[in-house]
Amino acid sequence: MSRLISIAAVSVFGLVVGGCSTQPDQLEVRRNYSLYSLHQPVVERTSFVFDVAAQGDGVSDAEQGRLAAWFDSIGLRYGDTVAIDGGDYNSAGAKRDVARVASAHGLLIADAGAPVTEGAVPPGFVRVVASRSTASVDGCPSWGDPGIESPVRTGTNYGCAVNTNLSAMIANPEDLIHGREPSGNGAAQTAGRAARSYRESTPTGRQGLPAAQTTPQGGR
C-alpha cells in the first residue's frame, strides 16, 4: 500500500513541474500559449520593367504615349512606386518627361534609386521600374481547430480578422515592414486625403435617375 502511495505522489509532482515549465519560443498550432497570432501579414513585391527610348535631351511624344499606355495596362495606382534607371544615359530631360507621364497617373518618381532588375539598360534607353507591394494573410480563416483540447491555448483562428483587414486596408504595404517616420503636418495631410476626396466628389444623386421607358400593354 505504501508503494502505491509513493508512485502516486511522484506522478502528481511530475504534473506540477510540467505545468510550471516555460513555454516554447516558437509558436506552433497546437502549442500557442501566447497572445500572438499564428497568421501574420505577408508582403510580396512585384516589379514591372519598361524601357523607353530617349531622344536628345528628353523622350519623344510617341514614347511618352507608349509609356502612358503601359501604365494603363498594368493598372498603375496609388501605393505603387515608380523609379527610373538611366543606366549610362543620365539625361535630366528624359527623367523629367517620364516624371510628367507618371504625374498624370497621380504618382511621383521615387527619390530612392531603382531596384535591381534583370539585364542591363540598353544604350540610349531609360528604364522605368514600377513596383507594387501587396499584403495578404495565408491560411485565414482557420476553422479546423475545435478549441476544446486545451482551455489555455490560443485558437488557430485568433488574429485572422484583424490581420486580414489590416492587410486589405493599408495604403502602402511596405509600411508593415519598415514602418513610417513621423513627418509632422505631412501625417495629417495623408490621413485627411481620403476624407478630402470623399467631400470633393460629386454626389451621385445630382445626376438624377435614368429615364425608364415603358410600353403600355392592354389587358385581354
Protein backbone atom coordinates (compact mmCIF):
# COMPACT_ATOMS: atom_id res chain seq x y z
CA MET A 1 0.00 0.00 0.00
CA SER A 2 2.85 2.38 0.81
CA ARG A 3 4.40 1.66 -2.60
CA LEU A 4 1.24 2.72 -4.42
CA ILE A 5 1.07 5.97 -2.45
CA SER A 6 4.71 6.80 -3.30
CA ILE A 7 4.12 6.24 -7.02
CA ALA A 8 1.04 8.46 -6.94
CA ALA A 9 2.95 11.22 -5.14
CA VAL A 10 5.72 11.13 -7.74
CA SER A 11 3.17 11.31 -10.55
CA VAL A 12 1.46 14.36 -9.03
CA PHE A 13 4.83 16.07 -8.54
CA GLY A 14 5.66 15.47 -12.19
CA LEU A 15 2.43 17.12 -13.29
CA VAL A 16 3.12 20.17 -11.14
CA VAL A 17 6.64 20.58 -12.55
CA GLY A 18 5.31 20.21 -16.09
CA GLY A 19 2.73 22.92 -15.52
CA CYS A 20 5.39 25.36 -14.27
CA SER A 21 7.76 24.81 -17.20
CA THR A 22 8.41 27.66 -19.64
CA GLN A 23 6.55 27.72 -22.93
CA PRO A 24 8.45 27.25 -26.21
CA ASP A 25 9.55 30.40 -28.02
CA GLN A 26 8.43 29.10 -31.41
CA LEU A 27 4.70 29.34 -31.99
CA GLU A 28 3.05 26.14 -33.13
CA VAL A 29 -0.52 25.34 -33.98
CA ARG A 30 -1.02 23.03 -31.02
CA ARG A 31 1.25 24.84 -28.55
CA ASN A 32 0.47 28.53 -28.90
CA TYR A 33 0.08 29.75 -25.33
CA SER A 34 0.80 33.40 -26.18
CA LEU A 35 -1.44 36.19 -27.43
CA TYR A 36 0.33 36.34 -30.78
CA SER A 37 -1.47 35.24 -33.90
CA LEU A 38 -0.12 32.36 -35.93
CA HIS A 39 -1.23 34.15 -39.11
CA GLN A 40 0.79 37.27 -39.85
CA PRO A 41 0.62 39.53 -42.93
CA VAL A 42 2.99 38.57 -45.72
CA VAL A 43 4.18 41.35 -48.03
CA GLU A 44 5.07 40.48 -51.61
CA ARG A 45 6.68 42.91 -54.03
CA THR A 46 6.41 42.75 -57.82
CA SER A 47 8.42 44.94 -60.20
CA PHE A 48 7.35 45.80 -63.75
CA VAL A 49 10.02 46.97 -66.20
CA PHE A 50 9.62 49.12 -69.31
CA ASP A 51 12.43 50.57 -71.44
CA VAL A 52 11.78 53.97 -73.03
CA ALA A 53 13.86 55.24 -75.93
CA ALA A 54 15.39 58.64 -75.20
CA GLN A 55 15.90 61.18 -77.94
CA GLY A 56 18.25 64.11 -77.48
CA ASP A 57 17.59 65.58 -74.06
CA GLY A 58 14.20 64.04 -73.49
CA VAL A 59 11.60 61.49 -74.53
CA SER A 60 9.55 61.92 -77.69
CA ASP A 61 5.78 62.29 -77.61
CA ALA A 62 5.37 58.86 -79.18
CA GLU A 63 7.46 57.23 -76.46
CA GLN A 64 5.57 59.11 -73.79
CA GLY A 65 2.34 57.75 -75.27
CA ARG A 66 3.75 54.21 -75.16
CA LEU A 67 4.73 54.72 -71.53
CA ALA A 68 1.29 56.05 -70.62
CA ALA A 69 -0.35 53.06 -72.34
CA TRP A 70 1.93 50.73 -70.39
CA PHE A 71 0.98 52.40 -67.13
CA ASP A 72 -2.67 51.82 -68.02
CA SER A 73 -2.04 48.18 -68.93
CA ILE A 74 -0.52 47.34 -65.54
CA GLY A 75 -3.18 49.33 -63.70
CA LEU A 76 -0.82 51.82 -62.09
CA ARG A 77 -2.50 53.09 -58.93
CA TYR A 78 -1.97 54.73 -55.59
CA GLY A 79 0.51 52.78 -53.49
CA ASP A 80 2.75 51.84 -56.42
CA THR A 81 6.22 53.34 -56.72
CA VAL A 82 7.86 54.47 -59.95
CA ALA A 83 11.65 54.69 -60.24
CA ILE A 84 13.97 55.50 -63.13
CA ASP A 85 17.16 53.67 -64.04
CA GLY A 86 19.01 55.70 -66.64
CA GLY A 87 21.94 53.33 -66.90
CA ASP A 88 24.80 55.04 -68.74
CA TYR A 89 22.39 57.56 -70.25
CA ASN A 90 21.96 60.09 -67.48
CA SER A 91 19.56 62.62 -69.00
CA ALA A 92 17.72 65.04 -66.78
CA GLY A 93 15.31 65.82 -69.61
CA ALA A 94 14.36 62.17 -70.08
CA LYS A 95 13.70 61.79 -66.37
CA ARG A 96 11.62 64.96 -66.43
CA ASP A 97 9.44 63.62 -69.26
CA VAL A 98 8.96 60.28 -67.52
CA ALA A 99 8.02 62.10 -64.33
CA ARG A 100 5.43 64.09 -66.28
CA VAL A 101 3.76 60.91 -67.52
CA ALA A 102 3.80 59.42 -64.01
CA SER A 103 2.30 62.58 -62.53
CA ALA A 104 -0.63 62.26 -64.96
CA HIS A 105 -1.39 58.98 -63.15
CA GLY A 106 -1.13 60.63 -59.74
CA LEU A 107 2.34 59.36 -58.80
CA LEU A 108 5.73 60.92 -58.23
CA ILE A 109 9.12 59.48 -59.07
CA ALA A 110 10.70 57.77 -56.06
CA ASP A 111 13.66 59.57 -54.53
CA ALA A 112 15.46 56.31 -53.88
CA GLY A 113 17.22 54.52 -56.70
CA ALA A 114 15.52 51.95 -58.87
CA PRO A 115 15.55 48.34 -57.64
CA VAL A 116 17.89 45.88 -59.27
CA THR A 117 16.34 44.37 -62.41
CA GLU A 118 17.38 41.62 -64.77
CA GLY A 119 19.58 42.67 -67.67
CA ALA A 120 21.38 45.90 -68.43
CA VAL A 121 19.69 49.03 -69.70
CA PRO A 122 20.18 49.28 -73.50
CA PRO A 123 22.23 52.27 -74.69
CA GLY A 124 20.06 55.29 -75.38
CA PHE A 125 17.19 53.98 -73.27
CA VAL A 126 15.78 54.83 -69.87
CA ARG A 127 14.35 52.00 -67.78
CA VAL A 128 11.16 52.70 -65.86
CA VAL A 129 10.51 50.36 -62.94
CA ALA A 130 7.05 50.26 -61.38
CA SER A 131 6.95 48.35 -58.10
CA ARG A 132 3.79 47.12 -56.42
CA SER A 133 3.55 45.61 -52.96
CA THR A 134 0.64 43.52 -51.76
CA ALA A 135 -0.12 42.21 -48.29
CA SER A 136 -2.07 39.05 -47.55
CA VAL A 137 -2.57 36.57 -44.74
CA ASP A 138 -2.29 32.90 -45.64
CA GLY A 139 -4.42 30.25 -44.01
CA CYS A 140 -7.26 32.52 -42.93
CA PRO A 141 -9.89 31.87 -41.82
CA SER A 142 -8.82 28.76 -39.93
CA TRP A 143 -11.83 26.83 -38.69
CA GLY A 144 -10.12 23.48 -38.26
CA ASP A 145 -9.30 23.98 -34.57
CA PRO A 146 -12.20 22.90 -32.33
CA GLY A 147 -10.70 24.77 -29.37
CA ILE A 148 -11.71 22.16 -26.79
CA GLU A 149 -8.43 20.34 -26.23
CA SER A 150 -6.72 22.93 -24.05
CA PRO A 151 -8.56 25.88 -22.48
CA VAL A 152 -5.34 27.88 -22.02
CA ARG A 153 -4.21 27.65 -25.65
CA THR A 154 -4.85 30.38 -28.21
CA GLY A 155 -7.01 29.22 -31.10
CA THR A 156 -5.60 28.98 -34.61
CA ASN A 157 -8.15 31.47 -35.97
CA TYR A 158 -7.09 34.12 -33.47
CA GLY A 159 -5.95 37.29 -35.23
CA CYS A 160 -7.23 36.31 -38.67
CA ALA A 161 -9.87 39.03 -38.83
CA VAL A 162 -7.60 41.84 -37.61
CA ASN A 163 -4.58 40.96 -39.73
CA THR A 164 -6.63 40.26 -42.86
CA ASN A 165 -8.42 43.60 -42.64
CA LEU A 166 -5.16 45.38 -41.89
CA SER A 167 -3.58 43.86 -45.00
CA ALA A 168 -6.55 44.88 -47.14
CA MET A 169 -6.84 48.46 -45.82
CA ILE A 170 -3.24 49.62 -45.59
CA ALA A 171 -2.30 52.08 -48.34
CA ASN A 172 1.36 51.12 -48.54
CA PRO A 173 2.08 47.51 -47.55
CA GLU A 174 5.78 48.39 -47.23
CA ASP A 175 4.87 50.19 -44.01
CA LEU A 176 4.19 46.80 -42.42
CA ILE A 177 7.89 46.02 -42.85
CA HIS A 178 9.74 49.31 -42.47
CA GLY A 179 7.16 51.42 -40.68
CA ARG A 180 6.99 55.14 -41.32
CA GLU A 181 8.75 58.00 -39.62
CA PRO A 182 6.52 60.82 -38.35
CA SER A 183 6.59 63.81 -40.68
CA GLY A 184 4.72 66.47 -38.71
CA ASN A 185 1.99 68.05 -40.79
CA GLY A 186 2.55 65.52 -43.55
CA ALA A 187 0.95 62.79 -41.46
CA ALA A 188 -2.20 64.88 -41.02
CA GLN A 189 -2.33 65.57 -44.75
CA THR A 190 -2.02 61.89 -45.53
CA ALA A 191 -4.75 61.00 -43.05
CA GLY A 192 -7.12 63.63 -44.46
CA ARG A 193 -6.57 62.72 -48.10
CA ALA A 194 -9.34 60.14 -48.20
CA ALA A 195 -11.79 62.43 -46.40
CA ARG A 196 -10.98 65.30 -48.77
CA SER A 197 -11.50 63.08 -51.81
CA TYR A 198 -14.87 61.97 -50.44
CA ARG A 199 -16.01 65.53 -49.77
CA GLU A 200 -14.93 66.85 -53.17
CA SER A 201 -16.55 64.05 -55.15
CA THR A 202 -19.83 64.80 -56.90
CA PRO A 203 -22.80 63.12 -55.20
CA THR A 204 -24.41 60.52 -57.39
CA GLY A 205 -27.86 61.91 -56.57
CA ARG A 206 -27.19 65.05 -58.61
CA GLN A 207 -27.15 63.06 -61.81
CA GLY A 208 -30.79 62.15 -61.45
CA LEU A 209 -32.42 58.84 -62.11
CA PRO A 210 -32.22 57.27 -65.56
CA ALA A 211 -35.39 57.61 -67.59
CA ALA A 212 -37.22 54.32 -67.79
CA GLN A 213 -39.19 53.61 -70.93
CA THR A 214 -42.30 51.52 -70.53
CA THR A 215 -44.60 50.13 -73.17
CA PRO A 216 -48.29 50.08 -72.28
CA GLN A 217 -49.91 46.71 -72.73
CA GLY A 218 -53.65 46.28 -72.81
CA GLY A 219 -55.42 43.54 -70.93
CA ARG A 220 -57.31 40.77 -72.58
